Amino acid sequence: MILGITDEQTSCDCCGRQDLKYTVVIEHNDGEVAHYGCVCAGKMLARDAAEVRKEAKVAQKGVDNARRAVADAQRRA
């Protein structure tokens, strides 16, 4: 499952490529979380890299929105 993207880790856990702009954060069925470049994530998920990139960015927007909602709620409390 694609959880989002991050620029905190810029190396691919699959191929080892370094200095990526960002990595796709994926949770495996066993609960392990890994960071992949878009091409490796696409191969692993049997999808086109462009699809993975789009889905990852949508997932990240959801994460960002949830974080903002929590921060807003904490400020109001």
PDB file of N, CA and C in Angstrom:
ATOM      1  N   MET A   1       0.847  -1.168   0.000  1.00  0.00           N
ATOM      2  CA  MET A   1       0.000   0.000   0.000  1.00  0.00           C
ATOM      3  C   MET A   1       0.900   1.241   0.000  1.00  0.00           C
ATOM      4  N   ILE A   2       0.550   2.201  -0.838  1.00  0.00           N
ATOM      5  CA  ILE A   2       1.301   3.447  -0.898  1.00  0.00           C
ATOM      6  C   ILE A   2       0.818   4.368   0.218  1.00  0.00           C
ATOM      7  N   LEU A   3       1.743   4.807   1.065  1.00  0.00           N
ATOM      8  CA  LEU A   3       1.412   5.683   2.183  1.00  0.00           C
ATOM      9  C   LEU A   3       1.603   7.151   1.848  1.00  0.00           C
ATOM     10  N   GLY A   4       2.511   7.452   0.923  1.00  0.00           N
ATOM     11  CA  GLY A   4       2.790   8.845   0.580  1.00  0.00           C
ATOM     12  C   GLY A   4       4.186   8.976   0.011  1.00  0.00           C
ATOM     13  N   ILE A   5       4.742  10.179   0.128  1.00  0.00           N
ATOM     14  CA  ILE A   5       6.099  10.453  -0.338  1.00  0.00           C
ATOM     15  C   ILE A   5       6.875  11.155   0.772  1.00  0.00           C
ATOM     16  N   THR A   6       8.181  11.088   0.662  1.00  0.00           N
ATOM     17  CA  THR A   6       9.022  11.791   1.629  1.00  0.00           C
ATOM     18  C   THR A   6      10.321  12.233   0.962  1.00  0.00           C
ATOM     19  N   ASP A   7      10.822  13.357   1.439  1.00  0.00           N
ATOM     20  CA  ASP A   7      12.150  13.782   0.988  1.00  0.00           C
ATOM     21  C   ASP A   7      13.162  13.615   2.121  1.00  0.00           C
ATOM     22  N   GLU A   8      12.720  12.989   3.218  1.00  0.00           N
ATOM     23  CA  GLU A   8      13.626  12.718   4.337  1.00  0.00           C
ATOM     24  C   GLU A   8      14.568  11.562   4.014  1.00  0.00           C
ATOM     25  N   GLN A   9      14.122  10.620   3.201  1.00  0.00           N
ATOM     26  CA  GLN A   9      14.997   9.554   2.715  1.00  0.00           C
ATOM     27  C   GLN A   9      15.008   9.649   1.201  1.00  0.00           C
ATOM     28  N   THR A  10      16.176   9.847   0.639  1.00  0.00           N
ATOM     29  CA  THR A  10      16.278  10.057  -0.806  1.00  0.00           C
ATOM     30  C   THR A  10      17.048   8.950  -1.507  1.00  0.00           C
ATOM     31  N   SER A  11      17.104   7.773  -0.884  1.00  0.00           N
ATOM     32  CA  SER A  11      17.719   6.618  -1.532  1.00  0.00           C
ATOM     33  C   SER A  11      16.691   5.490  -1.594  1.00  0.00           C
ATOM     34  N   CYS A  12      16.742   4.724  -2.680  1.00  0.00           N
ATOM     35  CA  CYS A  12      15.794   3.645  -2.918  1.00  0.00           C
ATOM     36  C   CYS A  12      16.230   2.383  -2.171  1.00  0.00           C
ATOM     37  N   ASP A  13      15.316   1.814  -1.388  1.00  0.00           N
ATOM     38  CA  ASP A  13      15.610   0.582  -0.657  1.00  0.00           C
ATOM     39  C   ASP A  13      15.710  -0.626  -1.583  1.00  0.00           C
ATOM     40  N   CYS A  14      15.224  -0.498  -2.801  1.00  0.00           N
ATOM     41  CA  CYS A  14      15.244  -1.610  -3.752  1.00  0.00           C
ATOM     42  C   CYS A  14      16.563  -1.652  -4.522  1.00  0.00           C
ATOM     43  N   CYS A  15      16.864  -0.590  -5.259  1.00  0.00           N
ATOM     44  CA  CYS A  15      18.040  -0.592  -6.140  1.00  0.00           C
ATOM     45  C   CYS A  15      19.233   0.165  -5.562  1.00  0.00           C
ATOM     46  N   GLY A  16      18.991   0.936  -4.497  1.00  0.00           N
ATOM     47  CA  GLY A  16      20.072   1.678  -3.864  1.00  0.00           C
ATOM     48  C   GLY A  16      20.385   3.024  -4.488  1.00  0.00           C
ATOM     49  N   ARG A  17      19.614   3.416  -5.494  1.00  0.00           N
ATOM     50  CA  ARG A  17      19.869   4.712  -6.138  1.00  0.00           C
ATOM     51  C   ARG A  17      19.806   5.829  -5.099  1.00  0.00           C
ATOM     52  N   GLN A  18      20.723   6.778  -5.197  1.00  0.00           N
ATOM     53  CA  GLN A  18      20.854   7.866  -4.230  1.00  0.00           C
ATOM     54  C   GLN A  18      20.404   9.189  -4.836  1.00  0.00           C
ATOM     55  N   ASP A  19      20.246  10.172  -3.992  1.00  0.00           N
ATOM     56  CA  ASP A  19      19.951  11.550  -4.394  1.00  0.00           C
ATOM     57  C   ASP A  19      18.665  11.696  -5.206  1.00  0.00           C
ATOM     58  N   LEU A  20      17.653  10.897  -4.862  1.00  0.00           N
ATOM     59  CA  LEU A  20      16.344  11.054  -5.493  1.00  0.00           C
ATOM     60  C   LEU A  20      15.679  12.304  -4.940  1.00  0.00           C
ATOM     61  N   LYS A  21      14.811  12.919  -5.703  1.00  0.00           N
ATOM     62  CA  LYS A  21      14.088  14.106  -5.247  1.00  0.00           C
ATOM     63  C   LYS A  21      13.216  13.746  -4.037  1.00  0.00           C
ATOM     64  N   TYR A  22      12.595  12.579  -4.096  1.00  0.00           N
ATOM     65  CA  TYR A  22      11.789  12.040  -2.999  1.00  0.00           C
ATOM     66  C   TYR A  22      11.649  10.539  -3.209  1.00  0.00           C
ATOM     67  N   THR A  23      11.166   9.845  -2.203  1.00  0.00           N
ATOM     68  CA  THR A  23      10.884   8.421  -2.338  1.00  0.00           C
ATOM     69  C   THR A  23       9.416   8.170  -2.018  1.00  0.00           C
ATOM     70  N   VAL A  24       8.918   7.080  -2.576  1.00  0.00           N
ATOM     71  CA  VAL A  24       7.553   6.643  -2.327  1.00  0.00           C
ATOM     72  C   VAL A  24       7.594   5.731  -1.095  1.00  0.00           C
ATOM     73  N   VAL A  25       6.751   6.031  -0.123  1.00  0.00           N
ATOM     74  CA  VAL A  25       6.704   5.238   1.110  1.00  0.00           C
ATOM     75  C   VAL A  25       5.639   4.159   0.919  1.00  0.00           C
ATOM     76  N   ILE A  26       6.071   2.907   1.054  1.00  0.00           N
ATOM     77  CA  ILE A  26       5.183   1.771   0.831  1.00  0.00           C
ATOM     78  C   ILE A  26       5.171   0.892   2.064  1.00  0.00           C
ATOM     79  N   GLU A  27       3.972   0.467   2.455  1.00  0.00           N
ATOM     80  CA  GLU A  27       3.839  -0.509   3.538  1.00  0.00           C
ATOM     81  C   GLU A  27       3.544  -1.858   2.911  1.00  0.00           C
ATOM     82  N   HIS A  28       4.389  -2.835   3.200  1.00  0.00           N
ATOM     83  CA  HIS A  28       4.207  -4.189   2.693  1.00  0.00           C
ATOM     84  C   HIS A  28       3.127  -4.900   3.504  1.00  0.00           C
ATOM     85  N   ASN A  29       2.673  -6.040   3.010  1.00  0.00           N
ATOM     86  CA  ASN A  29       1.623  -6.810   3.692  1.00  0.00           C
ATOM     87  C   ASN A  29       2.011  -7.230   5.102  1.00  0.00           C
ATOM     88  N   ASP A  30       3.305  -7.402   5.347  1.00  0.00           N
ATOM     89  CA  ASP A  30       3.768  -7.807   6.675  1.00  0.00           C
ATOM     90  C   ASP A  30       3.948  -6.623   7.625  1.00  0.00           C
ATOM     91  N   GLY A  31       3.604  -5.407   7.157  1.00  0.00           N
ATOM     92  CA  GLY A  31       3.703  -4.223   7.995  1.00  0.00           C
ATOM     93  C   GLY A  31       5.017  -3.471   7.868  1.00  0.00           C
ATOM     94  N   GLU A  32       5.979  -4.039   7.153  1.00  0.00           N
ATOM     95  CA  GLU A  32       7.266  -3.372   6.954  1.00  0.00           C
ATOM     96  C   GLU A  32       7.080  -2.158   6.040  1.00  0.00           C
ATOM     97  N   VAL A  33       7.724  -1.060   6.402  1.00  0.00           N
ATOM     98  CA  VAL A  33       7.658   0.157   5.604  1.00  0.00           C
ATOM     99  C   VAL A  33       8.984   0.319   4.866  1.00  0.00           C
ATOM    100  N   ALA A  34       8.896   0.605   3.557  1.00  0.00           N
ATOM    101  CA  ALA A  34      10.090   0.767   2.734  1.00  0.00           C
ATOM    102  C   ALA A  34       9.957   2.022   1.877  1.00  0.00           C
ATOM    103  N   HIS A  35      11.085   2.488   1.381  1.00  0.00           N
ATOM    104  CA  HIS A  35      11.145   3.697   0.551  1.00  0.00           C
ATOM    105  C   HIS A  35      11.718   3.314  -0.807  1.00  0.00           C
ATOM    106  N   TYR A  36      10.980   3.625  -1.872  1.00  0.00           N
ATOM    107  CA  TYR A  36      11.393   3.272  -3.219  1.00  0.00           C
ATOM    108  C   TYR A  36      11.314   4.482  -4.131  1.00  0.00           C
ATOM    109  N   GLY A  37      12.159   4.492  -5.149  1.00  0.00           N
ATOM    110  CA  GLY A  37      11.993   5.450  -6.228  1.00  0.00           C
ATOM    111  C   GLY A  37      10.736   5.071  -7.005  1.00  0.00           C
ATOM    112  N   CYS A  38      10.233   5.971  -7.810  1.00  0.00           N
ATOM    113  CA  CYS A  38       8.985   5.723  -8.541  1.00  0.00           C
ATOM    114  C   CYS A  38       9.075   4.530  -9.481  1.00  0.00           C
ATOM    115  N   VAL A  39      10.206   4.347 -10.127  1.00  0.00           N
ATOM    116  CA  VAL A  39      10.356   3.237 -11.069  1.00  0.00           C
ATOM    117  C   VAL A  39      10.343   1.901 -10.327  1.00  0.00           C
ATOM    118  N   CYS A  40      11.105   1.789  -9.253  1.00  0.00           N
ATOM    119  CA  CYS A  40      11.119   0.542  -8.477  1.00  0.00           C
ATOM    120  C   CYS A  40       9.765   0.274  -7.829  1.00  0.00           C
ATOM    121  N   ALA A  41       9.115   1.325  -7.332  1.00  0.00           N
ATOM    122  CA  ALA A  41       7.788   1.157  -6.743  1.00  0.00           C
ATOM    123  C   ALA A  41       6.813   0.656  -7.792  1.00  0.00           C
ATOM    124  N   GLY A  42       6.909   1.198  -8.997  1.00  0.00           N
ATOM    125  CA  GLY A  42       6.044   0.747 -10.085  1.00  0.00           C
ATOM    126  C   GLY A  42       6.267  -0.710 -10.424  1.00  0.00           C
ATOM    127  N   LYS A  43       7.518  -1.127 -10.488  1.00  0.00           N
ATOM    128  CA  LYS A  43       7.819  -2.536 -10.778  1.00  0.00           C
ATOM    129  C   LYS A  43       7.271  -3.435  -9.685  1.00  0.00           C
ATOM    130  N   MET A  44       7.460  -3.025  -8.437  1.00  0.00           N
ATOM    131  CA  MET A  44       7.003  -3.843  -7.323  1.00  0.00           C
ATOM    132  C   MET A  44       5.474  -3.962  -7.289  1.00  0.00           C
ATOM    133  N   LEU A  45       4.799  -2.876  -7.642  1.00  0.00           N
ATOM    134  CA  LEU A  45       3.341  -2.852  -7.594  1.00  0.00           C
ATOM    135  C   LEU A  45       2.700  -3.200  -8.940  1.00  0.00           C
ATOM    136  N   ALA A  46       3.518  -3.515  -9.930  1.00  0.00           N
ATOM    137  CA  ALA A  46       3.047  -3.850 -11.282  1.00  0.00           C
ATOM    138  C   ALA A  46       2.191  -2.723 -11.859  1.00  0.00           C
ATOM    139  N   ARG A  47       2.730  -1.498 -11.729  1.00  0.00           N
ATOM    140  CA  ARG A  47       2.054  -0.319 -12.260  1.00  0.00           C
ATOM    141  C   ARG A  47       3.072   0.552 -12.973  1.00  0.00           C
ATOM    142  N   ASP A  48       2.565   1.462 -13.758  1.00  0.00           N
ATOM    143  CA  ASP A  48       3.413   2.436 -14.432  1.00  0.00           C
ATOM    144  C   ASP A  48       3.950   3.420 -13.390  1.00  0.00           C
ATOM    145  N   ALA A  49       5.182   3.873 -13.565  1.00  0.00           N
ATOM    146  CA  ALA A  49       5.784   4.809 -12.616  1.00  0.00           C
ATOM    147  C   ALA A  49       4.956   6.085 -12.481  1.00  0.00           C
ATOM    148  N   ALA A  50       4.358   6.539 -13.588  1.00  0.00           N
ATOM    149  CA  ALA A  50       3.532   7.754 -13.531  1.00  0.00           C
ATOM    150  C   ALA A  50       2.305   7.542 -12.655  1.00  0.00           C
ATOM    151  N   GLU A  51       1.707   6.345 -12.727  1.00  0.00           N
ATOM    152  CA  GLU A  51       0.552   6.028 -11.866  1.00  0.00           C
ATOM    153  C   GLU A  51       0.967   6.035 -10.404  1.00  0.00           C
ATOM    154  N   VAL A  52       2.112   5.431 -10.117  1.00  0.00           N
ATOM    155  CA  VAL A  52       2.616   5.373  -8.744  1.00  0.00           C
ATOM    156  C   VAL A  52       2.869   6.781  -8.229  1.00  0.00           C
ATOM    157  N   ARG A  53       3.500   7.608  -9.039  1.00  0.00           N
ATOM    158  CA  ARG A  53       3.803   8.984  -8.649  1.00  0.00           C
ATOM    159  C   ARG A  53       2.516   9.736  -8.305  1.00  0.00           C
ATOM    160  N   LYS A  54       1.505   9.601  -9.146  1.00  0.00           N
ATOM    161  CA  LYS A  54       0.231  10.289  -8.926  1.00  0.00           C
ATOM    162  C   LYS A  54      -0.453   9.774  -7.656  1.00  0.00           C
ATOM    163  N   GLU A  55      -0.515   8.457  -7.499  1.00  0.00           N
ATOM    164  CA  GLU A  55      -1.158   7.878  -6.318  1.00  0.00           C
ATOM    165  C   GLU A  55      -0.420   8.261  -5.036  1.00  0.00           C
ATOM    166  N   ALA A  56       0.901   8.291  -5.090  1.00  0.00           N
ATOM    167  CA  ALA A  56       1.699   8.648  -3.916  1.00  0.00           C
ATOM    168  C   ALA A  56       1.457  10.095  -3.513  1.00  0.00           C
ATOM    169  N   LYS A  57       1.358  10.985  -4.489  1.00  0.00           N
ATOM    170  CA  LYS A  57       1.118  12.387  -4.182  1.00  0.00           C
ATOM    171  C   LYS A  57      -0.283  12.598  -3.617  1.00  0.00           C
ATOM    172  N   VAL A  58      -1.265  11.855  -4.120  1.00  0.00           N
ATOM    173  CA  VAL A  58      -2.625  11.932  -3.574  1.00  0.00           C
ATOM    174  C   VAL A  58      -2.638  11.424  -2.134  1.00  0.00           C
ATOM    175  N   ALA A  59      -1.953  10.312  -1.881  1.00  0.00           N
ATOM    176  CA  ALA A  59      -1.875   9.771  -0.524  1.00  0.00           C
ATOM    177  C   ALA A  59      -1.201  10.766   0.412  1.00  0.00           C
ATOM    178  N   GLN A  60      -0.156  11.430  -0.069  1.00  0.00           N
ATOM    179  CA  GLN A  60       0.554  12.399   0.766  1.00  0.00           C
ATOM    180  C   GLN A  60      -0.333  13.593   1.093  1.00  0.00           C
ATOM    181  N   LYS A  61      -1.162  14.021   0.143  1.00  0.00           N
ATOM    182  CA  LYS A  61      -2.088  15.122   0.422  1.00  0.00           C
ATOM    183  C   LYS A  61      -3.035  14.737   1.556  1.00  0.00           C
ATOM    184  N   GLY A  62      -3.484  13.479   1.573  1.00  0.00           N
ATOM    185  CA  GLY A  62      -4.340  13.005   2.654  1.00  0.00           C
ATOM    186  C   GLY A  62      -3.625  13.047   3.997  1.00  0.00           C
ATOM    187  N   VAL A  63      -2.372  12.634   4.009  1.00  0.00           N
ATOM    188  CA  VAL A  63      -1.567  12.669   5.234  1.00  0.00           C
ATOM    189  C   VAL A  63      -1.396  14.105   5.705  1.00  0.00           C
ATOM    190  N   ASP A  64      -1.055  14.983   4.780  1.00  0.00           N
ATOM    191  CA  ASP A  64      -0.853  16.396   5.125  1.00  0.00           C
ATOM    192  C   ASP A  64      -2.139  17.021   5.668  1.00  0.00           C
ATOM    193  N   ASN A  65      -3.260  16.712   5.033  1.00  0.00           N
ATOM    194  CA  ASN A  65      -4.547  17.246   5.502  1.00  0.00           C
ATOM    195  C   ASN A  65      -4.882  16.745   6.896  1.00  0.00           C
ATOM    196  N   ALA A  66      -4.622  15.474   7.160  1.00  0.00           N
ATOM    197  CA  ALA A  66      -4.886  14.912   8.486  1.00  0.00           C
ATOM    198  C   ALA A  66      -4.006  15.574   9.538  1.00  0.00           C
ATOM    199  N   ARG A  67      -2.734  15.795   9.210  1.00  0.00           N
ATOM    200  CA  ARG A  67      -1.826  16.462  10.157  1.00  0.00           C
ATOM    201  C   ARG A  67      -2.296  17.882  10.456  1.00  0.00           C
ATOM    202  N   ARG A  68      -2.748  18.590   9.412  1.00  0.00           N
ATOM    203  CA  ARG A  68      -3.258  19.945   9.625  1.00  0.00           C
ATOM    204  C   ARG A  68      -4.509  19.935  10.497  1.00  0.00           C
ATOM    205  N   ALA A  69      -5.381  18.970  10.280  1.00  0.00           N
ATOM    206  CA  ALA A  69      -6.604  18.885  11.073  1.00  0.00           C
ATOM    207  C   ALA A  69      -6.289  18.646  12.542  1.00  0.00           C
ATOM    208  N   VAL A  70      -5.327  17.768  12.811  1.00  0.00           N
ATOM    209  CA  VAL A  70      -4.921  17.486  14.198  1.00  0.00           C
ATOM    210  C   VAL A  70      -4.314  18.745  14.815  1.00  0.00           C
ATOM    211  N   ALA A  71      -3.439  19.419  14.079  1.00  0.00           N
ATOM    212  CA  ALA A  71      -2.804  20.634  14.601  1.00  0.00           C
ATOM    213  C   ALA A  71      -3.859  21.712  14.864  1.00  0.00           C
ATOM    214  N   ASP A  72      -4.829  21.858  13.974  1.00  0.00           N
ATOM    215  CA  ASP A  72      -5.904  22.827  14.181  1.00  0.00           C
ATOM    216  C   ASP A  72      -6.727  22.490  15.423  1.00  0.00           C
ATOM    217  N   ALA A  73      -7.036  21.228  15.598  1.00  0.00           N
ATOM    218  CA  ALA A  73      -7.815  20.788  16.752  1.00  0.00           C
ATOM    219  C   ALA A  73      -7.050  21.041  18.046  1.00  0.00           C
ATOM    220  N   GLN A  74      -5.742  20.811  18.017  1.00  0.00           N
ATOM    221  CA  GLN A  74      -4.922  21.042  19.222  1.00  0.00           C
ATOM    222  C   GLN A  74      -4.847  22.527  19.546  1.00  0.00           C
ATOM    223  N   ARG A  75      -4.786  23.369  18.537  1.00  0.00           N
ATOM    224  CA  ARG A  75      -4.752  24.812  18.789  1.00  0.00           C
ATOM    225  C   ARG A  75      -6.069  25.277  19.395  1.00  0.00           C
ATOM    226  N   ARG A  76      -7.174  24.713  18.948  1.00  0.00           N
ATOM    227  CA  ARG A  76      -8.481  25.119  19.453  1.00  0.00           C
ATOM    228  C   ARG A  76      -8.744  24.619  20.871  1.00  0.00           C
ATOM    229  N   ALA A  77      -8.076  23.544  21.256  1.00  0.00           N
ATOM    230  CA  ALA A  77      -8.331  22.946  22.583  1.00  0.00           C
ATOM    231  C   ALA A  77      -7.702  23.721  23.704  1.00  0.00           C
TER     232      ALA A  77
END
